[in-house]
Amino acid sequence: MIKLTTTEITWIIGELDRNAAINTNAAASTEASTIEKGLLNLKAENLTSMSNKLQEALDGGDKRIAII
């Protein structure tokens, strides 16, 4: 079993949020094609979703996170 501290999870959340912002900014670029914008926005949404799930687990005091 792998154990992660709440601090480590917080760092992961921060990196997910940072990368989501980078992708959102890149999608807003005038140089990005329509397809690139769509993919970058989708990736940003997925990263934000993962971040929110981890934050919810921390806020709820969950001690276990299922990998499915």
PDB file of N, CA and C in Angstrom:
ATOM      1  N   MET A   1       0.840  -1.175   0.000  1.00  0.00           N
ATOM      2  CA  MET A   1       0.000   0.000   0.000  1.00  0.00           C
ATOM      3  C   MET A   1       0.888   1.241   0.000  1.00  0.00           C
ATOM      4  N   ILE A   2       0.494   2.226  -0.767  1.00  0.00           N
ATOM      5  CA  ILE A   2       1.227   3.494  -0.834  1.00  0.00           C
ATOM      6  C   ILE A   2       0.517   4.509   0.040  1.00  0.00           C
ATOM      7  N   LYS A   3       1.286   5.227   0.827  1.00  0.00           N
ATOM      8  CA  LYS A   3       0.715   6.248   1.699  1.00  0.00           C
ATOM      9  C   LYS A   3       1.185   7.626   1.250  1.00  0.00           C
ATOM     10  N   LEU A   4       0.257   8.564   1.194  1.00  0.00           N
ATOM     11  CA  LEU A   4       0.567   9.951   0.873  1.00  0.00           C
ATOM     12  C   LEU A   4       0.069  10.820   2.017  1.00  0.00           C
ATOM     13  N   THR A   5       0.850  11.814   2.380  1.00  0.00           N
ATOM     14  CA  THR A   5       0.433  12.730   3.439  1.00  0.00           C
ATOM     15  C   THR A   5      -0.522  13.770   2.866  1.00  0.00           C
ATOM     16  N   THR A   6      -1.224  14.454   3.747  1.00  0.00           N
ATOM     17  CA  THR A   6      -2.120  15.519   3.288  1.00  0.00           C
ATOM     18  C   THR A   6      -1.318  16.624   2.614  1.00  0.00           C
ATOM     19  N   THR A   7      -0.103  16.855   3.058  1.00  0.00           N
ATOM     20  CA  THR A   7       0.761  17.859   2.429  1.00  0.00           C
ATOM     21  C   THR A   7       1.084  17.452   0.992  1.00  0.00           C
ATOM     22  N   GLU A   8       1.406  16.189   0.792  1.00  0.00           N
ATOM     23  CA  GLU A   8       1.706  15.706  -0.558  1.00  0.00           C
ATOM     24  C   GLU A   8       0.479  15.820  -1.465  1.00  0.00           C
ATOM     25  N   ILE A   9      -0.690  15.487  -0.947  1.00  0.00           N
ATOM     26  CA  ILE A   9      -1.923  15.613  -1.727  1.00  0.00           C
ATOM     27  C   ILE A   9      -2.170  17.084  -2.056  1.00  0.00           C
ATOM     28  N   THR A  10      -1.917  17.977  -1.110  1.00  0.00           N
ATOM     29  CA  THR A  10      -2.081  19.411  -1.339  1.00  0.00           C
ATOM     30  C   THR A  10      -1.152  19.885  -2.445  1.00  0.00           C
ATOM     31  N   TRP A  11       0.086  19.404  -2.454  1.00  0.00           N
ATOM     32  CA  TRP A  11       1.031  19.756  -3.521  1.00  0.00           C
ATOM     33  C   TRP A  11       0.521  19.260  -4.876  1.00  0.00           C
ATOM     34  N   ILE A  12      -0.008  18.045  -4.902  1.00  0.00           N
ATOM     35  CA  ILE A  12      -0.538  17.484  -6.144  1.00  0.00           C
ATOM     36  C   ILE A  12      -1.700  18.339  -6.640  1.00  0.00           C
ATOM     37  N   ILE A  13      -2.582  18.735  -5.736  1.00  0.00           N
ATOM     38  CA  ILE A  13      -3.712  19.592  -6.095  1.00  0.00           C
ATOM     39  C   ILE A  13      -3.200  20.902  -6.696  1.00  0.00           C
ATOM     40  N   GLY A  14      -2.195  21.487  -6.079  1.00  0.00           N
ATOM     41  CA  GLY A  14      -1.617  22.734  -6.584  1.00  0.00           C
ATOM     42  C   GLY A  14      -1.053  22.581  -7.986  1.00  0.00           C
ATOM     43  N   GLU A  15      -0.371  21.477  -8.243  1.00  0.00           N
ATOM     44  CA  GLU A  15       0.202  21.234  -9.565  1.00  0.00           C
ATOM     45  C   GLU A  15      -0.889  20.977 -10.604  1.00  0.00           C
ATOM     46  N   LEU A  16      -1.929  20.265 -10.216  1.00  0.00           N
ATOM     47  CA  LEU A  16      -3.045  20.046 -11.134  1.00  0.00           C
ATOM     48  C   LEU A  16      -3.698  21.377 -11.506  1.00  0.00           C
ATOM     49  N   ASP A  17      -3.914  22.222 -10.505  1.00  0.00           N
ATOM     50  CA  ASP A  17      -4.509  23.539 -10.759  1.00  0.00           C
ATOM     51  C   ASP A  17      -3.604  24.409 -11.630  1.00  0.00           C
ATOM     52  N   ARG A  18      -2.299  24.361 -11.355  1.00  0.00           N
ATOM     53  CA  ARG A  18      -1.342  25.147 -12.133  1.00  0.00           C
ATOM     54  C   ARG A  18      -1.346  24.710 -13.593  1.00  0.00           C
ATOM     55  N   ASN A  19      -1.341  23.396 -13.815  1.00  0.00           N
ATOM     56  CA  ASN A  19      -1.353  22.881 -15.184  1.00  0.00           C
ATOM     57  C   ASN A  19      -2.682  23.163 -15.885  1.00  0.00           C
ATOM     58  N   ALA A  20      -3.778  23.136 -15.147  1.00  0.00           N
ATOM     59  CA  ALA A  20      -5.075  23.481 -15.739  1.00  0.00           C
ATOM     60  C   ALA A  20      -5.061  24.933 -16.209  1.00  0.00           C
ATOM     61  N   ALA A  21      -4.484  25.820 -15.403  1.00  0.00           N
ATOM     62  CA  ALA A  21      -4.399  27.234 -15.780  1.00  0.00           C
ATOM     63  C   ALA A  21      -3.512  27.432 -17.011  1.00  0.00           C
ATOM     64  N   ILE A  22      -2.410  26.708 -17.074  1.00  0.00           N
ATOM     65  CA  ILE A  22      -1.518  26.787 -18.233  1.00  0.00           C
ATOM     66  C   ILE A  22      -2.263  26.373 -19.498  1.00  0.00           C
ATOM     67  N   ASN A  23      -3.023  25.288 -19.407  1.00  0.00           N
ATOM     68  CA  ASN A  23      -3.781  24.806 -20.573  1.00  0.00           C
ATOM     69  C   ASN A  23      -4.886  25.776 -20.960  1.00  0.00           C
ATOM     70  N   THR A  24      -5.543  26.368 -19.980  1.00  0.00           N
ATOM     71  CA  THR A  24      -6.594  27.351 -20.263  1.00  0.00           C
ATOM     72  C   THR A  24      -6.008  28.573 -20.954  1.00  0.00           C
ATOM     73  N   ASN A  25      -4.859  29.037 -20.465  1.00  0.00           N
ATOM     74  CA  ASN A  25      -4.197  30.190 -21.091  1.00  0.00           C
ATOM     75  C   ASN A  25      -3.733  29.869 -22.506  1.00  0.00           C
ATOM     76  N   ALA A  26      -3.213  28.668 -22.704  1.00  0.00           N
ATOM     77  CA  ALA A  26      -2.760  28.271 -24.042  1.00  0.00           C
ATOM     78  C   ALA A  26      -3.942  28.180 -24.998  1.00  0.00           C
ATOM     79  N   ALA A  27      -5.089  27.738 -24.494  1.00  0.00           N
ATOM     80  CA  ALA A  27      -6.281  27.644 -25.341  1.00  0.00           C
ATOM     81  C   ALA A  27      -6.786  29.025 -25.740  1.00  0.00           C
ATOM     82  N   ALA A  28      -6.521  30.018 -24.917  1.00  0.00           N
ATOM     83  CA  ALA A  28      -6.968  31.385 -25.210  1.00  0.00           C
ATOM     84  C   ALA A  28      -6.044  32.088 -26.208  1.00  0.00           C
ATOM     85  N   SER A  29      -4.911  31.478 -26.504  1.00  0.00           N
ATOM     86  CA  SER A  29      -3.946  32.061 -27.430  1.00  0.00           C
ATOM     87  C   SER A  29      -4.520  32.152 -28.841  1.00  0.00           C
ATOM     88  N   THR A  30      -4.201  33.223 -29.498  1.00  0.00           N
ATOM     89  CA  THR A  30      -4.651  33.393 -30.888  1.00  0.00           C
ATOM     90  C   THR A  30      -3.907  32.454 -31.830  1.00  0.00           C
ATOM     91  N   GLU A  31      -2.779  31.926 -31.386  1.00  0.00           N
ATOM     92  CA  GLU A  31      -1.983  31.022 -32.218  1.00  0.00           C
ATOM     93  C   GLU A  31      -2.530  29.592 -32.221  1.00  0.00           C
ATOM     94  N   ALA A  32      -3.385  29.258 -31.251  1.00  0.00           N
ATOM     95  CA  ALA A  32      -3.918  27.896 -31.158  1.00  0.00           C
ATOM     96  C   ALA A  32      -5.027  27.691 -32.180  1.00  0.00           C
ATOM     97  N   SER A  33      -4.989  26.544 -32.838  1.00  0.00           N
ATOM     98  CA  SER A  33      -6.049  26.218 -33.796  1.00  0.00           C
ATOM     99  C   SER A  33      -7.315  25.828 -33.030  1.00  0.00           C
ATOM    100  N   THR A  34      -8.398  25.699 -33.739  1.00  0.00           N
ATOM    101  CA  THR A  34      -9.667  25.324 -33.119  1.00  0.00           C
ATOM    102  C   THR A  34      -9.570  23.967 -32.440  1.00  0.00           C
ATOM    103  N   ILE A  35      -8.920  23.033 -33.099  1.00  0.00           N
ATOM    104  CA  ILE A  35      -8.757  21.695 -32.522  1.00  0.00           C
ATOM    105  C   ILE A  35      -7.885  21.763 -31.278  1.00  0.00           C
ATOM    106  N   GLU A  36      -6.781  22.509 -31.360  1.00  0.00           N
ATOM    107  CA  GLU A  36      -5.898  22.660 -30.195  1.00  0.00           C
ATOM    108  C   GLU A  36      -6.636  23.292 -29.032  1.00  0.00           C
ATOM    109  N   LYS A  37      -7.426  24.311 -29.302  1.00  0.00           N
ATOM    110  CA  LYS A  37      -8.193  24.981 -28.244  1.00  0.00           C
ATOM    111  C   LYS A  37      -9.137  24.005 -27.556  1.00  0.00           C
ATOM    112  N   GLY A  38      -9.815  23.193 -28.354  1.00  0.00           N
ATOM    113  CA  GLY A  38     -10.736  22.205 -27.794  1.00  0.00           C
ATOM    114  C   GLY A  38     -10.028  21.188 -26.923  1.00  0.00           C
ATOM    115  N   LEU A  39      -8.888  20.695 -27.416  1.00  0.00           N
ATOM    116  CA  LEU A  39      -8.129  19.698 -26.650  1.00  0.00           C
ATOM    117  C   LEU A  39      -7.538  20.297 -25.382  1.00  0.00           C
ATOM    118  N   LEU A  40      -7.021  21.517 -25.468  1.00  0.00           N
ATOM    119  CA  LEU A  40      -6.454  22.172 -24.289  1.00  0.00           C
ATOM    120  C   LEU A  40      -7.530  22.450 -23.241  1.00  0.00           C
ATOM    121  N   ASN A  41      -8.703  22.875 -23.695  1.00  0.00           N
ATOM    122  CA  ASN A  41      -9.799  23.106 -22.757  1.00  0.00           C
ATOM    123  C   ASN A  41     -10.265  21.806 -22.108  1.00  0.00           C
ATOM    124  N   LEU A  42     -10.326  20.734 -22.884  1.00  0.00           N
ATOM    125  CA  LEU A  42     -10.711  19.432 -22.342  1.00  0.00           C
ATOM    126  C   LEU A  42      -9.704  18.969 -21.291  1.00  0.00           C
ATOM    127  N   LYS A  43      -8.418  19.118 -21.608  1.00  0.00           N
ATOM    128  CA  LYS A  43      -7.377  18.730 -20.651  1.00  0.00           C
ATOM    129  C   LYS A  43      -7.487  19.567 -19.378  1.00  0.00           C
ATOM    130  N   ALA A  44      -7.734  20.861 -19.518  1.00  0.00           N
ATOM    131  CA  ALA A  44      -7.881  21.739 -18.348  1.00  0.00           C
ATOM    132  C   ALA A  44      -9.070  21.297 -17.504  1.00  0.00           C
ATOM    133  N   GLU A  45     -10.178  20.935 -18.154  1.00  0.00           N
ATOM    134  CA  GLU A  45     -11.354  20.464 -17.422  1.00  0.00           C
ATOM    135  C   GLU A  45     -11.050  19.173 -16.666  1.00  0.00           C
ATOM    136  N   ASN A  46     -10.328  18.253 -17.293  1.00  0.00           N
ATOM    137  CA  ASN A  46      -9.975  16.991 -16.640  1.00  0.00           C
ATOM    138  C   ASN A  46      -9.053  17.223 -15.448  1.00  0.00           C
ATOM    139  N   LEU A  47      -8.064  18.095 -15.610  1.00  0.00           N
ATOM    140  CA  LEU A  47      -7.151  18.398 -14.508  1.00  0.00           C
ATOM    141  C   LEU A  47      -7.895  19.051 -13.348  1.00  0.00           C
ATOM    142  N   THR A  48      -8.802  19.961 -13.658  1.00  0.00           N
ATOM    143  CA  THR A  48      -9.592  20.628 -12.624  1.00  0.00           C
ATOM    144  C   THR A  48     -10.495  19.630 -11.910  1.00  0.00           C
ATOM    145  N   SER A  49     -11.068  18.708 -12.654  1.00  0.00           N
ATOM    146  CA  SER A  49     -11.919  17.684 -12.061  1.00  0.00           C
ATOM    147  C   SER A  49     -11.140  16.816 -11.076  1.00  0.00           C
ATOM    148  N   MET A  50      -9.939  16.387 -11.480  1.00  0.00           N
ATOM    149  CA  MET A  50      -9.101  15.584 -10.584  1.00  0.00           C
ATOM    150  C   MET A  50      -8.732  16.372  -9.333  1.00  0.00           C
ATOM    151  N   SER A  51      -8.376  17.618  -9.522  1.00  0.00           N
ATOM    152  CA  SER A  51      -8.021  18.483  -8.409  1.00  0.00           C
ATOM    153  C   SER A  51      -9.187  18.620  -7.432  1.00  0.00           C
ATOM    154  N   ASN A  52     -10.374  18.850  -7.979  1.00  0.00           N
ATOM    155  CA  ASN A  52     -11.558  19.011  -7.131  1.00  0.00           C
ATOM    156  C   ASN A  52     -11.876  17.745  -6.343  1.00  0.00           C
ATOM    157  N   LYS A  53     -11.715  16.584  -6.971  1.00  0.00           N
ATOM    158  CA  LYS A  53     -11.966  15.316  -6.288  1.00  0.00           C
ATOM    159  C   LYS A  53     -10.993  15.111  -5.139  1.00  0.00           C
ATOM    160  N   LEU A  54      -9.716  15.402  -5.374  1.00  0.00           N
ATOM    161  CA  LEU A  54      -8.727  15.262  -4.308  1.00  0.00           C
ATOM    162  C   LEU A  54      -8.986  16.254  -3.179  1.00  0.00           C
ATOM    163  N   GLN A  55      -9.359  17.485  -3.544  1.00  0.00           N
ATOM    164  CA  GLN A  55      -9.650  18.496  -2.526  1.00  0.00           C
ATOM    165  C   GLN A  55     -10.866  18.087  -1.702  1.00  0.00           C
ATOM    166  N   GLU A  56     -11.859  17.526  -2.357  1.00  0.00           N
ATOM    167  CA  GLU A  56     -13.054  17.047  -1.658  1.00  0.00           C
ATOM    168  C   GLU A  56     -12.692  15.937  -0.668  1.00  0.00           C
ATOM    169  N   ALA A  57     -11.791  15.042  -1.078  1.00  0.00           N
ATOM    170  CA  ALA A  57     -11.347  13.973  -0.185  1.00  0.00           C
ATOM    171  C   ALA A  57     -10.621  14.546   1.025  1.00  0.00           C
ATOM    172  N   LEU A  58      -9.769  15.547   0.802  1.00  0.00           N
ATOM    173  CA  LEU A  58      -9.065  16.182   1.924  1.00  0.00           C
ATOM    174  C   LEU A  58     -10.036  16.893   2.847  1.00  0.00           C
ATOM    175  N   ASP A  59     -10.958  17.657   2.264  1.00  0.00           N
ATOM    176  CA  ASP A  59     -11.921  18.423   3.067  1.00  0.00           C
ATOM    177  C   ASP A  59     -12.825  17.509   3.875  1.00  0.00           C
ATOM    178  N   GLY A  60     -13.137  16.340   3.315  1.00  0.00           N
ATOM    179  CA  GLY A  60     -14.004  15.386   4.002  1.00  0.00           C
ATOM    180  C   GLY A  60     -13.279  14.542   5.032  1.00  0.00           C
ATOM    181  N   GLY A  61     -11.959  14.699   5.099  1.00  0.00           N
ATOM    182  CA  GLY A  61     -11.179  13.919   6.054  1.00  0.00           C
ATOM    183  C   GLY A  61     -11.055  12.460   5.668  1.00  0.00           C
ATOM    184  N   ASP A  62     -11.282  12.158   4.405  1.00  0.00           N
ATOM    185  CA  ASP A  62     -11.187  10.758   3.951  1.00  0.00           C
ATOM    186  C   ASP A  62      -9.772  10.226   4.160  1.00  0.00           C
ATOM    187  N   LYS A  63      -9.693   8.994   4.604  1.00  0.00           N
ATOM    188  CA  LYS A  63      -8.396   8.353   4.817  1.00  0.00           C
ATOM    189  C   LYS A  63      -8.049   7.389   3.692  1.00  0.00           C
ATOM    190  N   ARG A  64      -9.017   7.106   2.836  1.00  0.00           N
ATOM    191  CA  ARG A  64      -8.788   6.189   1.732  1.00  0.00           C
ATOM    192  C   ARG A  64      -9.324   6.783   0.451  1.00  0.00           C
ATOM    193  N   ILE A  65      -8.586   6.577  -0.613  1.00  0.00           N
ATOM    194  CA  ILE A  65      -9.011   7.002  -1.940  1.00  0.00           C
ATOM    195  C   ILE A  65      -8.949   5.770  -2.834  1.00  0.00           C
ATOM    196  N   ALA A  66     -10.058   5.451  -3.467  1.00  0.00           N
ATOM    197  CA  ALA A  66     -10.113   4.265  -4.333  1.00  0.00           C
ATOM    198  C   ALA A  66      -9.559   4.591  -5.708  1.00  0.00           C
ATOM    199  N   ILE A  67      -8.795   3.661  -6.230  1.00  0.00           N
ATOM    200  CA  ILE A  67      -8.296   3.749  -7.604  1.00  0.00           C
ATOM    201  C   ILE A  67      -9.097   2.748  -8.408  1.00  0.00           C
ATOM    202  N   ILE A  68      -9.875   3.253  -9.373  1.00  0.00           N
ATOM    203  CA  ILE A  68     -10.749   2.356 -10.135  1.00  0.00           C
ATOM    204  C   ILE A  68     -10.436   2.445 -11.615  1.00  0.00           C
TER     205      ILE A  68
END
